[in-house]
C-alpha cells in the first residue's frame, strides 16, 4: 500500500483547508484509513478515521464538528476537510492505513504511512 498526502498550507485562524490522501496498491481497500497529526515536541495523535465504504467514521474530540473525513472510491482518495481552524491545529498531518477499525487511535497499529503534509494556522 502506498499513500500520498497533500493539501497542507498556511491559513489564518477560522479558515479552511482540505487534505487529500491518495492510495494505491493491490489491497489498499482492505485497510481502514486514518489521519494523524504531530505538532513539534508532541506525540503523534489521532484525528479521524474512515472505512472505504464511508459507512464508519470516527473523530478525535478536539476536531469534532470542525473536521470531516470522506472517501472517494473512484479516485482512491480519502479527504480531510478542516474548517474553523485554530492555531492549535498546527501540525504535520499524516494519513495512515491499517488492518484495524475506526475506533483504533494508537499509531503503532498502522502499517502504512503517507509522507506528511504541513498545516500551519496563524492567529
N, C-alpha and C. Protein backbone atom coordinates (compact mmCIF):
# COMPACT_ATOMS: atom_id res chain seq x y z
N UNK A 1 0.86 -1.19 0.00
CA UNK A 1 0.00 0.00 0.00
C UNK A 1 0.89 1.24 0.00
N UNK A 2 0.61 2.14 -0.91
CA UNK A 2 1.34 3.42 -0.95
C UNK A 2 0.35 4.56 -0.72
N UNK A 3 0.75 5.52 0.08
CA UNK A 3 -0.10 6.64 0.42
C UNK A 3 0.61 7.95 0.10
N UNK A 4 -0.11 8.86 -0.52
CA UNK A 4 0.46 10.16 -0.88
C UNK A 4 -0.46 11.25 -0.33
N UNK A 5 0.02 11.98 0.68
CA UNK A 5 -0.77 13.04 1.29
C UNK A 5 -0.42 14.38 0.66
N UNK A 6 -1.42 15.25 0.58
CA UNK A 6 -1.21 16.58 0.02
C UNK A 6 -2.28 17.53 0.55
N UNK A 7 -2.09 18.83 0.27
CA UNK A 7 -3.12 19.81 0.58
C UNK A 7 -2.83 20.72 1.75
N UNK A 8 -1.72 20.51 2.43
CA UNK A 8 -1.40 21.38 3.55
C UNK A 8 -1.03 22.78 3.09
N UNK A 9 -0.88 23.67 4.08
CA UNK A 9 -0.51 25.03 3.76
C UNK A 9 -0.64 25.93 4.96
N UNK A 10 -0.56 27.23 4.69
CA UNK A 10 -0.68 28.25 5.73
C UNK A 10 -2.05 28.90 5.61
N UNK A 11 -2.76 28.98 6.73
CA UNK A 11 -4.10 29.55 6.73
C UNK A 11 -4.30 30.34 8.01
N UNK A 12 -5.14 31.34 7.95
CA UNK A 12 -5.44 32.11 9.15
C UNK A 12 -6.46 31.38 10.02
N UNK A 13 -6.44 31.67 11.30
CA UNK A 13 -7.41 31.09 12.22
C UNK A 13 -8.82 31.36 11.72
N UNK A 14 -9.66 30.34 11.79
CA UNK A 14 -11.01 30.44 11.29
C UNK A 14 -11.16 29.99 9.85
N UNK A 15 -10.05 29.78 9.18
CA UNK A 15 -10.07 29.37 7.78
C UNK A 15 -10.25 27.88 7.60
N UNK A 16 -10.14 27.45 6.33
CA UNK A 16 -10.37 26.05 5.98
C UNK A 16 -9.27 25.53 5.08
N UNK A 17 -9.06 24.23 5.14
CA UNK A 17 -8.16 23.53 4.24
C UNK A 17 -8.73 22.14 4.00
N UNK A 18 -8.39 21.56 2.84
CA UNK A 18 -8.76 20.18 2.58
C UNK A 18 -7.51 19.38 2.28
N UNK A 19 -7.28 18.36 3.06
CA UNK A 19 -6.17 17.45 2.83
C UNK A 19 -6.65 16.26 2.02
N UNK A 20 -5.75 15.73 1.20
CA UNK A 20 -6.05 14.56 0.39
C UNK A 20 -5.03 13.47 0.68
N UNK A 21 -5.47 12.23 0.59
CA UNK A 21 -4.58 11.09 0.73
C UNK A 21 -4.92 10.10 -0.37
N UNK A 22 -4.06 10.02 -1.38
CA UNK A 22 -4.26 9.10 -2.48
C UNK A 22 -3.62 7.76 -2.17
N UNK A 23 -4.40 6.71 -2.33
CA UNK A 23 -3.92 5.37 -2.01
C UNK A 23 -3.74 4.53 -3.26
N UNK A 24 -2.78 3.65 -3.22
CA UNK A 24 -2.56 2.73 -4.34
C UNK A 24 -1.99 1.43 -3.79
N UNK A 25 -2.01 0.42 -4.66
CA UNK A 25 -1.56 -0.89 -4.22
C UNK A 25 -2.69 -1.89 -4.35
N UNK A 26 -2.31 -3.13 -4.36
CA UNK A 26 -3.27 -4.17 -4.66
C UNK A 26 -4.38 -4.31 -3.64
N UNK A 27 -4.07 -4.11 -2.36
CA UNK A 27 -5.02 -4.46 -1.30
C UNK A 27 -5.46 -3.29 -0.44
N UNK A 28 -5.26 -2.06 -0.92
CA UNK A 28 -5.49 -0.92 -0.03
C UNK A 28 -6.93 -0.84 0.46
N UNK A 29 -7.89 -1.38 -0.30
CA UNK A 29 -9.28 -1.28 0.16
C UNK A 29 -9.56 -2.17 1.36
N UNK A 30 -8.65 -3.03 1.70
CA UNK A 30 -8.80 -3.86 2.90
C UNK A 30 -8.48 -3.09 4.18
N UNK A 31 -7.90 -1.92 4.01
CA UNK A 31 -7.41 -1.16 5.15
C UNK A 31 -8.36 -0.03 5.53
N UNK A 32 -8.39 0.26 6.81
CA UNK A 32 -9.12 1.42 7.30
C UNK A 32 -8.17 2.62 7.26
N UNK A 33 -8.68 3.74 6.84
CA UNK A 33 -7.85 4.92 6.64
C UNK A 33 -8.00 5.89 7.81
N UNK A 34 -6.88 6.37 8.27
CA UNK A 34 -6.84 7.31 9.38
C UNK A 34 -6.03 8.55 9.02
N UNK A 35 -6.31 9.63 9.71
CA UNK A 35 -5.46 10.81 9.73
C UNK A 35 -4.93 10.98 11.15
N UNK A 36 -3.64 11.25 11.22
CA UNK A 36 -2.98 11.59 12.48
C UNK A 36 -2.31 12.95 12.29
N UNK A 37 -1.89 13.55 13.38
CA UNK A 37 -1.10 14.77 13.29
C UNK A 37 -0.06 14.79 14.39
N UNK A 38 1.00 15.52 14.12
CA UNK A 38 2.07 15.62 15.10
C UNK A 38 2.61 17.04 15.11
N UNK A 39 2.46 17.70 16.25
CA UNK A 39 2.99 19.04 16.44
C UNK A 39 4.40 18.94 17.01
N UNK A 40 5.21 19.97 16.83
CA UNK A 40 6.59 19.93 17.36
C UNK A 40 6.62 19.64 18.85
N UNK A 41 7.43 18.67 19.23
CA UNK A 41 7.59 18.34 20.64
C UNK A 41 6.47 17.51 21.23
N UNK A 42 5.52 17.11 20.40
CA UNK A 42 4.38 16.35 20.90
C UNK A 42 4.31 14.99 20.22
N UNK A 43 3.55 14.08 20.82
CA UNK A 43 3.38 12.77 20.23
C UNK A 43 2.37 12.85 19.09
N UNK A 44 2.48 11.87 18.22
CA UNK A 44 1.52 11.78 17.11
C UNK A 44 0.16 11.43 17.68
N UNK A 45 -0.88 12.16 17.24
CA UNK A 45 -2.21 11.94 17.79
C UNK A 45 -3.24 11.68 16.70
N UNK A 46 -4.23 10.91 17.06
CA UNK A 46 -5.33 10.55 16.16
C UNK A 46 -6.17 11.77 15.85
N UNK A 47 -6.63 11.87 14.61
CA UNK A 47 -7.53 12.95 14.19
C UNK A 47 -8.87 12.40 13.73
N UNK A 48 -8.85 11.51 12.75
CA UNK A 48 -10.10 11.00 12.19
C UNK A 48 -9.83 9.69 11.46
N UNK A 49 -10.90 8.92 11.25
CA UNK A 49 -10.78 7.63 10.57
C UNK A 49 -12.03 7.34 9.76
N UNK A 50 -11.86 6.51 8.72
CA UNK A 50 -12.99 6.15 7.86
C UNK A 50 -12.71 4.82 7.18
N UNK A 51 -13.79 4.07 6.95
CA UNK A 51 -13.68 2.90 6.09
C UNK A 51 -13.88 3.33 4.65
N UNK A 52 -13.41 2.54 3.70
CA UNK A 52 -13.53 2.94 2.30
C UNK A 52 -14.98 3.05 1.85
N UNK A 53 -15.85 2.30 2.46
CA UNK A 53 -17.27 2.42 2.11
C UNK A 53 -17.87 3.73 2.61
N UNK A 54 -17.20 4.35 3.58
CA UNK A 54 -17.74 5.56 4.19
C UNK A 54 -18.77 5.29 5.26
N UNK A 55 -19.05 4.02 5.52
CA UNK A 55 -20.11 3.68 6.45
C UNK A 55 -19.73 3.96 7.90
N UNK A 56 -18.44 3.91 8.19
CA UNK A 56 -17.98 4.14 9.56
C UNK A 56 -16.94 5.24 9.60
N UNK A 57 -17.12 6.15 10.55
CA UNK A 57 -16.16 7.22 10.76
C UNK A 57 -15.95 7.42 12.26
N UNK A 58 -14.88 8.08 12.59
CA UNK A 58 -14.59 8.40 13.98
C UNK A 58 -13.72 9.65 14.02
N UNK A 59 -13.89 10.46 15.05
CA UNK A 59 -13.16 11.72 15.17
C UNK A 59 -12.61 11.88 16.58
N UNK A 60 -11.48 12.53 16.66
CA UNK A 60 -10.99 12.96 17.96
C UNK A 60 -11.91 14.05 18.50
N UNK A 61 -12.06 14.10 19.82
CA UNK A 61 -12.93 15.10 20.42
C UNK A 61 -12.52 16.52 20.04
N UNK A 62 -11.22 16.73 19.88
CA UNK A 62 -10.70 18.06 19.61
C UNK A 62 -11.10 18.60 18.24
N UNK A 63 -11.53 17.73 17.33
CA UNK A 63 -11.88 18.18 15.97
C UNK A 63 -13.33 17.94 15.60
N UNK A 64 -14.09 17.31 16.48
CA UNK A 64 -15.50 17.03 16.18
C UNK A 64 -16.25 18.33 15.91
N UNK A 65 -17.05 18.31 14.86
CA UNK A 65 -17.82 19.48 14.49
C UNK A 65 -17.06 20.47 13.63
N UNK A 66 -15.74 20.29 13.49
CA UNK A 66 -14.92 21.18 12.66
C UNK A 66 -14.30 20.46 11.48
N UNK A 67 -13.93 19.21 11.66
CA UNK A 67 -13.30 18.42 10.60
C UNK A 67 -14.28 17.38 10.09
N UNK A 68 -14.12 17.03 8.82
CA UNK A 68 -14.96 15.99 8.22
C UNK A 68 -14.09 15.10 7.34
N UNK A 69 -14.17 13.79 7.54
CA UNK A 69 -13.41 12.85 6.74
C UNK A 69 -14.35 12.19 5.74
N UNK A 70 -13.85 11.96 4.53
CA UNK A 70 -14.66 11.33 3.49
C UNK A 70 -13.77 10.51 2.58
N UNK A 71 -14.40 9.64 1.82
CA UNK A 71 -13.66 8.79 0.90
C UNK A 71 -14.29 8.86 -0.48
N UNK A 72 -13.45 8.81 -1.50
CA UNK A 72 -13.90 8.80 -2.89
C UNK A 72 -13.31 7.55 -3.53
N UNK A 73 -14.14 6.53 -3.65
CA UNK A 73 -13.64 5.26 -4.17
C UNK A 73 -13.21 5.33 -5.63
N UNK A 74 -13.85 6.17 -6.40
CA UNK A 74 -13.49 6.31 -7.81
C UNK A 74 -12.09 6.90 -7.98
N UNK A 75 -11.69 7.74 -7.03
CA UNK A 75 -10.38 8.38 -7.10
C UNK A 75 -9.37 7.74 -6.14
N UNK A 76 -9.80 6.73 -5.41
CA UNK A 76 -8.91 6.06 -4.44
C UNK A 76 -8.30 7.06 -3.47
N UNK A 77 -9.10 7.99 -3.03
CA UNK A 77 -8.61 9.10 -2.22
C UNK A 77 -9.49 9.32 -1.00
N UNK A 78 -8.84 9.61 0.11
CA UNK A 78 -9.53 9.99 1.34
C UNK A 78 -9.23 11.46 1.60
N UNK A 79 -10.24 12.18 2.03
CA UNK A 79 -10.11 13.61 2.27
C UNK A 79 -10.32 13.94 3.75
N UNK A 80 -9.68 15.01 4.16
CA UNK A 80 -9.94 15.57 5.49
C UNK A 80 -10.26 17.05 5.28
N UNK A 81 -11.53 17.39 5.39
CA UNK A 81 -11.95 18.78 5.27
C UNK A 81 -11.86 19.41 6.65
N UNK A 82 -11.05 20.45 6.75
CA UNK A 82 -10.82 21.11 8.04
C UNK A 82 -11.37 22.52 7.98
N UNK A 83 -12.25 22.84 8.91
CA UNK A 83 -12.86 24.16 8.97
C UNK A 83 -12.68 24.74 10.37
N UNK A 84 -12.94 26.03 10.49
CA UNK A 84 -12.79 26.72 11.78
C UNK A 84 -11.45 26.39 12.42
N UNK A 85 -10.41 26.46 11.62
CA UNK A 85 -9.09 26.07 12.09
C UNK A 85 -8.59 26.98 13.19
N UNK A 86 -7.84 26.38 14.11
CA UNK A 86 -7.29 27.08 15.26
C UNK A 86 -5.77 26.94 15.23
N UNK A 87 -5.06 27.87 15.86
CA UNK A 87 -3.59 27.75 15.91
C UNK A 87 -3.14 26.41 16.48
N UNK A 88 -3.90 25.85 17.39
CA UNK A 88 -3.51 24.55 17.97
C UNK A 88 -3.69 23.38 17.01
N UNK A 89 -4.27 23.62 15.85
CA UNK A 89 -4.34 22.59 14.81
C UNK A 89 -3.05 22.51 14.00
N UNK A 90 -2.14 23.43 14.24
CA UNK A 90 -0.87 23.43 13.53
C UNK A 90 -0.08 22.16 13.82
N UNK A 91 0.29 21.46 12.75
CA UNK A 91 0.99 20.18 12.89
C UNK A 91 1.31 19.64 11.50
N UNK A 92 2.11 18.59 11.48
CA UNK A 92 2.25 17.81 10.26
C UNK A 92 1.16 16.74 10.31
N UNK A 93 0.40 16.66 9.24
CA UNK A 93 -0.70 15.71 9.16
C UNK A 93 -0.29 14.52 8.31
N UNK A 94 -0.57 13.33 8.83
CA UNK A 94 -0.22 12.09 8.15
C UNK A 94 -1.47 11.26 7.91
N UNK A 95 -1.56 10.65 6.73
CA UNK A 95 -2.58 9.63 6.55
C UNK A 95 -1.93 8.27 6.77
N UNK A 96 -2.73 7.33 7.22
CA UNK A 96 -2.22 6.01 7.55
C UNK A 96 -3.28 4.97 7.22
N UNK A 97 -2.81 3.77 6.91
CA UNK A 97 -3.69 2.65 6.60
C UNK A 97 -3.37 1.50 7.53
N UNK A 98 -4.41 0.90 8.08
CA UNK A 98 -4.18 -0.21 8.99
C UNK A 98 -5.29 -1.24 8.91
N UNK A 99 -4.95 -2.45 9.27
CA UNK A 99 -5.95 -3.52 9.35
C UNK A 99 -6.60 -3.44 10.72
N UNK A 100 -7.36 -2.36 10.89
CA UNK A 100 -7.92 -2.04 12.20
C UNK A 100 -9.40 -1.68 12.03
N UNK A 101 -9.92 -1.00 13.02
CA UNK A 101 -11.27 -0.43 12.94
C UNK A 101 -11.15 1.07 13.20
N UNK A 102 -12.22 1.80 12.95
CA UNK A 102 -12.13 3.26 13.02
C UNK A 102 -11.88 3.76 14.44
N UNK A 103 -12.17 2.94 15.45
CA UNK A 103 -12.01 3.40 16.83
C UNK A 103 -10.57 3.28 17.33
N UNK A 104 -9.71 2.61 16.57
CA UNK A 104 -8.32 2.49 16.99
C UNK A 104 -7.62 3.83 16.82
N UNK A 105 -6.94 4.28 17.88
CA UNK A 105 -6.33 5.60 17.84
C UNK A 105 -4.82 5.57 18.11
N UNK A 106 -4.27 4.41 18.36
CA UNK A 106 -2.84 4.31 18.64
C UNK A 106 -2.07 4.14 17.34
N UNK A 107 -1.16 5.03 17.03
CA UNK A 107 -0.46 4.95 15.74
C UNK A 107 0.38 3.70 15.57
N UNK A 108 0.69 2.98 16.63
CA UNK A 108 1.55 1.81 16.49
C UNK A 108 0.89 0.68 15.71
N UNK A 109 -0.43 0.74 15.54
CA UNK A 109 -1.14 -0.33 14.86
C UNK A 109 -1.24 -0.12 13.35
N UNK A 110 -0.56 0.88 12.83
CA UNK A 110 -0.72 1.20 11.41
C UNK A 110 0.54 0.85 10.64
N UNK A 111 0.32 0.10 9.56
CA UNK A 111 1.43 -0.44 8.81
C UNK A 111 1.95 0.50 7.74
N UNK A 112 1.07 1.34 7.23
CA UNK A 112 1.46 2.16 6.09
C UNK A 112 1.17 3.63 6.38
N UNK A 113 2.10 4.49 5.99
CA UNK A 113 2.00 5.92 6.26
C UNK A 113 2.33 6.73 5.01
N UNK A 114 1.60 7.84 4.87
CA UNK A 114 1.96 8.81 3.86
C UNK A 114 3.11 9.66 4.38
N UNK A 115 3.61 10.56 3.55
CA UNK A 115 4.81 11.31 3.89
C UNK A 115 4.56 12.51 4.80
N UNK A 116 3.31 12.88 5.03
CA UNK A 116 3.02 14.02 5.88
C UNK A 116 2.90 15.31 5.10
N UNK A 117 1.99 16.16 5.54
CA UNK A 117 1.80 17.47 4.92
C UNK A 117 1.62 18.49 6.04
N UNK A 118 2.33 19.61 5.91
CA UNK A 118 2.35 20.62 6.98
C UNK A 118 1.11 21.50 6.91
N UNK A 119 0.46 21.66 8.07
CA UNK A 119 -0.64 22.61 8.21
C UNK A 119 -0.23 23.62 9.27
N UNK A 120 -0.26 24.89 8.89
CA UNK A 120 0.09 25.96 9.82
C UNK A 120 -1.07 26.94 9.89
N UNK A 121 -1.56 27.17 11.10
CA UNK A 121 -2.68 28.08 11.32
C UNK A 121 -2.17 29.28 12.11
N UNK A 122 -2.25 30.44 11.50
CA UNK A 122 -1.76 31.65 12.16
C UNK A 122 -2.89 32.33 12.92
N UNK A 123 -2.54 32.98 14.02
CA UNK A 123 -3.55 33.64 14.85
C UNK A 123 -3.77 35.08 14.41
